[in-house]
Amino acid sequence: MKIRANHLTALRIILLPLPYFLLYGDVRARIAALMAFTLLGLTDYLDGLLARRDGSTPLGKLLDPIADKIFIAVTLIPLVDLGILPLWIVWPIFFREFLVTEFRKFCAASKKQLRVTELAKIKTTLQMTGAGLILITDMFPDKTVLIAFLSGTLLATIFLAVGLYWRDGHLSTRMQTASSLLALGLAVGLALKPPLIIITYGLVMLGITLVSGSQYLIVGLPEGLRQGLTALGRLIASLILPLLSLALMPSAPREMTSLVVLIVALEFGSQGLDMWAVQEGEIDISWIKRRILVPVALLSPVLVCVFYGFENAIPAFLLITTGLCICYAAANCWIYWRAACRTHNLVQGQSAKR
């Protein structure tokens, strides 16, 4: 069987739970998690090569950004849970990711295209790399491994840049940015102590994430405002469950962190499918979230608090929200599957007529 880009993207999503659970083990387990994350991160580059070779597909365009966002959820949320990275750095990163997808829906509804910017592509790579560097810094506080890794990577990048400049007579923006960020990372590693290194890396990730989001804000926000209160309701409904779950995580029992990761991952997937439905003119079920799921999820902790005590309110919210998100994602997948089967049958029918 010929390996295609969609196979690697699906494999990345399926295998992500493995390094996630390894992060909660000892040092050897975390090293294994880091290696697994690195290999899975490389599949993001490889599936891009395969997509350019074989041509992209509608499924690939849907799955690839979802896989990238789930990757970030599986790497960053455990860093918060383990006390390595503060929530105030991670929460705005996820706010940006969910917000930009909603802006895409606004533009899709008005037949405008919100293109992926070069900075957004760099942002995704930086988030993946930054999470790995933060984990290395925490595991090896003497900084030897961090400095050796960054020095070797920077040296290899410089050699590659010289070769590309010799061949092409210029350097791409991406290569210049990679060299600059690696040099910055090495300088920070040499100058600061591990706790400050982690905060600085986190702030660089956050800064570039927010700047890349501002480019979408300029285009997407006016479209949302033009569409009125209904668009605002869809926006709030899409943001509130995952972001509230993430905000409540420090107050929830440790064993419920996996539910927060699952909620965020499911909502990333559902957002992508909702956007696809709007673009393709399929059934848009986002009204169910706005009118049913969100009110039920928000009312449940209030009722639990009244009848069973405040200490049970947050666990109840996370459990009920997880169930609701699973049902919503399943309904979205069913709609997508029906549409894919309908398209397949149509193509087969046209081929038979020929």
Protein backbone atom coordinates (compact mmCIF):
# COMPACT_ATOMS: atom_id res chain seq x y z
CA MET A 1 0.00 0.00 0.00
CA LYS A 2 1.30 3.44 -0.92
CA ILE A 3 1.79 5.69 2.09
CA ARG A 4 0.02 9.01 1.69
CA ALA A 5 -0.07 12.24 3.69
CA ASN A 6 -3.43 11.38 5.26
CA HIS A 7 -2.01 8.13 6.66
CA LEU A 8 0.74 10.01 8.52
CA THR A 9 -1.70 12.63 9.80
CA ALA A 10 -4.08 9.97 11.12
CA LEU A 11 -1.15 8.07 12.66
CA ARG A 12 -0.03 11.24 14.45
CA ILE A 13 -3.48 11.67 16.02
CA ILE A 14 -3.80 8.00 17.01
CA LEU A 15 -0.35 7.75 18.64
CA LEU A 16 -0.42 11.05 20.58
CA PRO A 17 -1.87 9.48 23.77
CA LEU A 18 1.28 7.34 24.15
CA PRO A 19 3.78 10.18 24.81
CA TYR A 20 1.10 12.01 26.80
CA PHE A 21 0.93 9.25 29.42
CA LEU A 22 4.73 8.78 29.35
CA LEU A 23 5.12 12.40 30.49
CA TYR A 24 3.73 11.40 33.89
CA GLY A 25 6.41 8.76 34.44
CA ASP A 26 10.01 8.97 35.68
CA VAL A 27 12.91 10.60 33.82
CA ARG A 28 13.35 7.63 31.48
CA ALA A 29 9.65 7.71 30.62
CA ARG A 30 9.84 11.45 29.92
CA ILE A 31 12.86 10.93 27.65
CA ALA A 32 10.83 8.30 25.77
CA ALA A 33 7.93 10.78 25.59
CA LEU A 34 10.26 13.45 24.19
CA MET A 35 11.56 11.05 21.54
CA ALA A 36 8.01 10.02 20.64
CA PHE A 37 6.90 13.66 20.36
CA THR A 38 9.92 14.36 18.13
CA LEU A 39 9.08 11.49 15.79
CA LEU A 40 5.41 12.48 15.66
CA GLY A 41 6.41 16.09 15.05
CA LEU A 42 8.52 14.97 12.08
CA THR A 43 5.43 13.37 10.56
CA ASP A 44 3.99 16.89 10.27
CA TYR A 45 6.89 17.78 7.97
CA LEU A 46 6.73 14.47 6.09
CA ASP A 47 3.00 14.58 5.41
CA GLY A 48 3.52 18.06 3.97
CA LEU A 49 6.09 16.63 1.55
CA LEU A 50 3.75 13.79 0.59
CA ALA A 51 0.84 16.19 0.10
CA ARG A 52 2.93 18.29 -2.28
CA ARG A 53 4.05 15.15 -4.11
CA ASP A 54 0.63 13.49 -4.49
CA GLY A 55 -1.62 16.52 -4.21
CA SER A 56 -3.68 17.52 -1.20
CA THR A 57 -7.12 16.06 -0.51
CA PRO A 58 -10.19 17.57 1.21
CA LEU A 59 -9.71 15.12 4.10
CA GLY A 60 -6.05 16.13 4.42
CA LYS A 61 -6.91 19.83 4.50
CA LEU A 62 -9.37 19.07 7.30
CA LEU A 63 -7.21 16.69 9.35
CA ASP A 64 -3.80 18.38 9.23
CA PRO A 65 -4.62 21.57 11.21
CA ILE A 66 -6.71 19.52 13.65
CA ALA A 67 -3.77 17.16 14.22
CA ASP A 68 -1.41 20.10 14.82
CA LYS A 69 -3.74 21.64 17.40
CA ILE A 70 -4.27 18.32 19.20
CA PHE A 71 -0.48 17.87 19.26
CA ILE A 72 -0.13 21.23 21.04
CA ALA A 73 -2.88 20.31 23.53
CA VAL A 74 -1.23 16.99 24.38
CA THR A 75 2.17 18.65 24.92
CA LEU A 76 1.35 21.94 26.65
CA ILE A 77 -1.46 20.94 29.01
CA PRO A 78 0.66 18.29 30.83
CA LEU A 79 3.41 20.90 31.26
CA VAL A 80 0.90 23.03 33.16
CA ASP A 81 -0.42 20.07 35.14
CA LEU A 82 3.12 19.05 36.17
CA GLY A 83 3.91 22.58 37.33
CA ILE A 84 6.54 23.15 34.66
CA LEU A 85 4.80 25.94 32.74
CA PRO A 86 2.29 28.42 34.23
CA LEU A 87 -1.31 28.41 33.05
CA TRP A 88 -1.24 32.14 32.32
CA ILE A 89 1.15 31.47 29.43
CA VAL A 90 -0.66 28.43 28.02
CA TRP A 91 -4.28 29.60 28.32
CA PRO A 92 -3.93 32.54 25.85
CA ILE A 93 -2.26 30.20 23.34
CA PHE A 94 -5.37 28.03 23.25
CA PHE A 95 -7.59 31.11 23.23
CA ARG A 96 -5.84 32.21 20.04
CA GLU A 97 -6.18 28.78 18.40
CA PHE A 98 -9.93 28.51 19.03
CA LEU A 99 -10.55 32.15 18.13
CA VAL A 100 -8.78 31.96 14.76
CA THR A 101 -10.82 28.91 13.73
CA GLU A 102 -14.00 30.84 14.48
CA PHE A 103 -12.73 33.74 12.38
CA ARG A 104 -12.26 31.23 9.56
CA LYS A 105 -15.90 30.20 9.94
CA PHE A 106 -17.00 33.83 9.76
CA CYS A 107 -15.07 34.28 6.52
CA ALA A 108 -16.29 30.94 5.10
CA ALA A 109 -19.91 31.98 5.71
CA SER A 110 -19.36 35.11 3.61
CA LYS A 111 -17.35 33.23 0.95
CA LYS A 112 -14.12 34.97 1.93
CA GLN A 113 -10.88 33.00 2.23
CA LEU A 114 -8.66 33.47 5.28
CA ARG A 115 -5.30 32.18 4.10
CA VAL A 116 -2.72 30.60 6.38
CA THR A 117 0.08 33.12 6.88
CA GLU A 118 3.79 32.30 6.89
CA LEU A 119 4.03 33.43 10.50
CA ALA A 120 1.25 30.99 11.46
CA LYS A 121 3.25 28.12 9.95
CA ILE A 122 6.32 29.22 11.89
CA LYS A 123 4.16 29.51 15.01
CA THR A 124 3.13 25.86 14.84
CA THR A 125 6.73 24.66 14.52
CA LEU A 126 7.80 26.99 17.32
CA GLN A 127 5.10 25.66 19.66
CA MET A 128 6.19 22.08 19.05
CA THR A 129 9.90 22.88 19.43
CA GLY A 130 9.36 25.17 22.41
CA ALA A 131 7.46 22.51 24.34
CA GLY A 132 10.34 20.10 23.76
CA LEU A 133 12.97 22.61 24.91
CA ILE A 134 10.96 23.38 28.04
CA LEU A 135 10.75 19.68 28.84
CA ILE A 136 14.50 19.24 28.30
CA THR A 137 15.22 22.20 30.58
CA ASP A 138 13.06 20.72 33.32
CA MET A 139 14.52 17.21 33.01
CA PHE A 140 18.17 18.32 32.88
CA PRO A 141 18.49 21.49 35.02
CA ASP A 142 22.29 21.60 34.64
CA LYS A 143 21.57 22.90 31.07
CA THR A 144 24.19 20.64 29.46
CA VAL A 145 21.72 18.78 27.26
CA LEU A 146 19.86 21.98 26.34
CA ILE A 147 23.01 23.86 25.32
CA ALA A 148 24.40 20.87 23.40
CA PHE A 149 21.14 20.38 21.53
CA LEU A 150 20.69 24.05 20.63
CA SER A 151 24.37 24.46 19.65
CA GLY A 152 24.28 21.43 17.36
CA THR A 153 20.96 22.44 15.81
CA LEU A 154 22.11 26.03 15.25
CA LEU A 155 25.37 24.88 13.69
CA ALA A 156 23.52 22.49 11.35
CA THR A 157 21.09 25.28 10.42
CA ILE A 158 23.94 27.67 9.64
CA PHE A 159 25.62 25.10 7.37
CA LEU A 160 22.29 24.47 5.64
CA ALA A 161 21.70 28.21 5.25
CA VAL A 162 25.16 28.71 3.70
CA GLY A 163 24.51 25.89 1.25
CA LEU A 164 21.10 27.27 0.28
CA TYR A 165 22.50 30.78 -0.14
CA TRP A 166 25.32 29.44 -2.29
CA ARG A 167 22.80 27.61 -4.47
CA ASP A 168 19.98 30.18 -4.67
CA GLY A 169 21.67 33.48 -3.92
CA HIS A 170 19.18 34.28 -1.13
CA LEU A 171 17.69 32.87 2.07
CA SER A 172 14.00 32.21 2.64
CA THR A 173 12.18 34.04 5.40
CA ARG A 174 11.59 30.73 7.17
CA MET A 175 15.32 29.90 7.23
CA GLN A 176 16.20 33.37 8.53
CA THR A 177 13.55 33.08 11.23
CA ALA A 178 14.71 29.59 12.26
CA SER A 179 18.31 30.75 12.59
CA SER A 180 17.30 33.81 14.62
CA LEU A 181 15.06 31.84 17.00
CA LEU A 182 17.70 29.14 17.55
CA ALA A 183 20.30 31.83 18.31
CA LEU A 184 17.86 33.47 20.72
CA GLY A 185 17.13 30.14 22.39
CA LEU A 186 20.83 29.41 22.83
CA ALA A 187 21.49 32.89 24.25
CA VAL A 188 18.65 32.50 26.74
CA GLY A 189 19.92 29.04 27.71
CA LEU A 190 23.41 30.35 28.34
CA ALA A 191 22.38 33.51 30.22
CA LEU A 192 19.51 32.45 32.49
CA LYS A 193 18.76 29.86 35.16
CA PRO A 194 16.37 26.98 34.33
CA PRO A 195 13.18 28.49 35.84
CA LEU A 196 13.70 31.74 33.93
CA ILE A 197 14.63 29.81 30.76
CA ILE A 198 11.30 28.01 30.89
CA ILE A 199 9.35 31.24 31.42
CA THR A 200 11.27 33.01 28.63
CA TYR A 201 10.69 30.17 26.15
CA GLY A 202 7.03 30.18 27.11
CA LEU A 203 6.76 33.94 26.61
CA VAL A 204 8.41 33.72 23.17
CA MET A 205 5.89 31.02 22.18
CA LEU A 206 3.04 33.13 23.52
CA GLY A 207 4.24 36.32 21.83
CA ILE A 208 4.60 34.81 18.37
CA THR A 209 1.29 32.94 18.78
CA LEU A 210 -0.56 36.17 19.60
CA VAL A 211 1.15 38.18 16.86
CA SER A 212 0.25 35.54 14.28
CA GLY A 213 -3.33 35.62 15.56
CA SER A 214 -3.55 39.39 15.18
CA GLN A 215 -3.18 39.00 11.42
CA TYR A 216 -6.36 36.91 11.35
CA LEU A 217 -8.10 39.26 13.78
CA ILE A 218 -7.85 42.15 11.33
CA VAL A 219 -9.76 40.19 8.68
CA GLY A 220 -12.00 37.90 10.74
CA LEU A 221 -13.34 40.24 13.42
CA PRO A 222 -15.06 42.68 11.01
CA GLU A 223 -16.75 39.69 9.33
CA GLY A 224 -18.03 38.45 12.69
CA LEU A 225 -19.33 41.88 13.65
CA ARG A 226 -21.05 42.22 10.30
CA GLN A 227 -22.89 38.91 10.86
CA GLY A 228 -24.34 40.18 14.13
CA LEU A 229 -25.39 38.56 17.42
CA THR A 230 -25.78 35.07 15.97
CA ALA A 231 -22.09 34.99 15.05
CA LEU A 232 -21.23 36.30 18.52
CA GLY A 233 -23.27 33.50 20.08
CA ARG A 234 -21.47 30.90 17.95
CA LEU A 235 -18.14 32.40 18.96
CA ILE A 236 -18.88 32.26 22.70
CA ALA A 237 -20.32 28.73 22.43
CA SER A 238 -17.19 27.47 20.68
CA LEU A 239 -14.79 29.07 23.14
CA ILE A 240 -16.42 28.62 26.51
CA LEU A 241 -16.30 24.85 27.12
CA PRO A 242 -12.63 24.13 26.30
CA LEU A 243 -11.27 27.38 27.73
CA LEU A 244 -13.31 27.14 30.93
CA SER A 245 -12.24 23.51 31.36
CA LEU A 246 -8.61 24.57 30.98
CA ALA A 247 -9.05 27.44 33.46
CA LEU A 248 -10.60 25.07 36.03
CA MET A 249 -7.88 22.41 35.66
CA PRO A 250 -5.71 23.62 38.59
CA SER A 251 -8.73 23.26 40.89
CA ALA A 252 -9.69 19.80 39.61
CA PRO A 253 -8.31 16.48 40.90
CA ARG A 254 -5.04 15.50 39.16
CA GLU A 255 -6.59 12.39 37.63
CA MET A 256 -9.04 14.60 35.69
CA THR A 257 -6.36 16.37 33.66
CA SER A 258 -6.83 13.80 30.91
CA LEU A 259 -10.47 14.90 30.65
CA VAL A 260 -9.34 18.49 30.04
CA VAL A 261 -7.00 17.31 27.28
CA LEU A 262 -9.81 15.24 25.78
CA ILE A 263 -12.26 18.16 25.88
CA VAL A 264 -9.78 20.49 24.19
CA ALA A 265 -8.86 17.87 21.55
CA LEU A 266 -12.51 17.06 20.80
CA GLU A 267 -13.40 20.73 20.50
CA PHE A 268 -10.52 21.32 18.08
CA GLY A 269 -11.87 18.47 15.97
CA SER A 270 -15.46 19.69 16.19
CA GLN A 271 -14.46 23.22 15.26
CA GLY A 272 -12.70 21.93 12.16
CA LEU A 273 -15.73 19.85 11.15
CA ASP A 274 -18.10 22.77 11.80
CA MET A 275 -15.97 24.98 9.55
CA TRP A 276 -15.94 22.29 6.86
CA ALA A 277 -19.76 22.05 7.05
CA VAL A 278 -20.09 25.82 6.52
CA GLN A 279 -17.65 25.78 3.57
CA GLU A 280 -19.31 22.81 1.87
CA GLY A 281 -22.91 23.84 2.50
CA GLU A 282 -23.57 20.77 4.67
CA ILE A 283 -25.71 20.63 7.81
CA ASP A 284 -24.34 23.05 10.41
CA ILE A 285 -25.16 21.67 13.86
CA SER A 286 -23.34 24.37 15.83
CA TRP A 287 -26.74 25.62 17.03
CA ILE A 288 -26.94 22.46 19.20
CA LYS A 289 -23.86 23.55 21.08
CA ARG A 290 -25.13 27.08 21.50
CA ARG A 291 -28.66 26.21 22.62
CA ILE A 292 -28.27 22.85 24.37
CA LEU A 293 -24.70 21.71 25.14
CA VAL A 294 -23.33 24.91 26.65
CA PRO A 295 -26.39 25.63 28.87
CA VAL A 296 -26.42 22.02 30.12
CA ALA A 297 -22.68 22.06 30.82
CA LEU A 298 -22.84 25.38 32.69
CA LEU A 299 -25.97 24.48 34.66
CA SER A 300 -24.67 21.08 35.80
CA PRO A 301 -22.04 22.33 38.30
CA VAL A 302 -24.59 24.73 39.81
CA LEU A 303 -27.02 21.87 40.48
CA VAL A 304 -24.26 19.59 41.76
CA CYS A 305 -23.02 22.36 44.05
CA VAL A 306 -26.53 22.83 45.49
CA PHE A 307 -27.25 19.14 46.09
CA TYR A 308 -23.81 17.57 46.60
CA GLY A 309 -21.48 20.35 47.71
CA PHE A 310 -19.01 22.73 46.08
CA GLU A 311 -16.13 20.21 46.06
CA ASN A 312 -18.02 18.07 43.53
CA ALA A 313 -18.96 20.89 41.15
CA ILE A 314 -15.76 21.03 39.07
CA PRO A 315 -15.40 17.24 38.63
CA ALA A 316 -19.07 17.09 37.61
CA PHE A 317 -18.57 19.89 35.08
CA LEU A 318 -15.57 18.14 33.51
CA LEU A 319 -17.30 14.75 33.36
CA ILE A 320 -20.52 16.12 31.87
CA THR A 321 -18.65 18.39 29.43
CA THR A 322 -16.55 15.44 28.26
CA GLY A 323 -19.68 13.40 27.55
CA LEU A 324 -21.33 16.28 25.70
CA CYS A 325 -18.20 16.94 23.61
CA ILE A 326 -17.96 13.26 22.67
CA CYS A 327 -21.59 13.23 21.51
CA TYR A 328 -21.15 16.46 19.53
CA ALA A 329 -17.95 15.23 17.86
CA ALA A 330 -19.62 11.91 17.00
CA ALA A 331 -22.54 13.75 15.36
CA ASN A 332 -20.11 15.88 13.34
CA CYS A 333 -18.18 12.78 12.22
CA TRP A 334 -21.44 11.13 11.15
CA ILE A 335 -22.36 14.15 9.02
CA TYR A 336 -18.89 14.19 7.45
CA TRP A 337 -19.05 10.45 6.75
CA ARG A 338 -22.47 10.77 5.09
CA ALA A 339 -21.21 13.61 2.90
CA ALA A 340 -18.05 11.68 1.96
CA CYS A 341 -20.09 8.59 1.01
CA ARG A 342 -22.49 10.74 -1.02
CA THR A 343 -19.59 12.32 -2.89
CA HIS A 344 -18.00 8.91 -3.51
CA ASN A 345 -21.25 7.48 -4.89
CA LEU A 346 -21.69 10.51 -7.13
CA VAL A 347 -18.19 10.12 -8.58
CA GLN A 348 -18.75 6.41 -9.15
CA GLY A 349 -22.07 7.12 -10.87
CA GLN A 350 -20.47 9.64 -13.21
CA SER A 351 -17.66 7.22 -14.02
CA ALA A 352 -20.19 4.45 -14.81
CA LYS A 353 -22.05 6.73 -17.24
CA ARG A 354 -18.85 7.35 -19.14
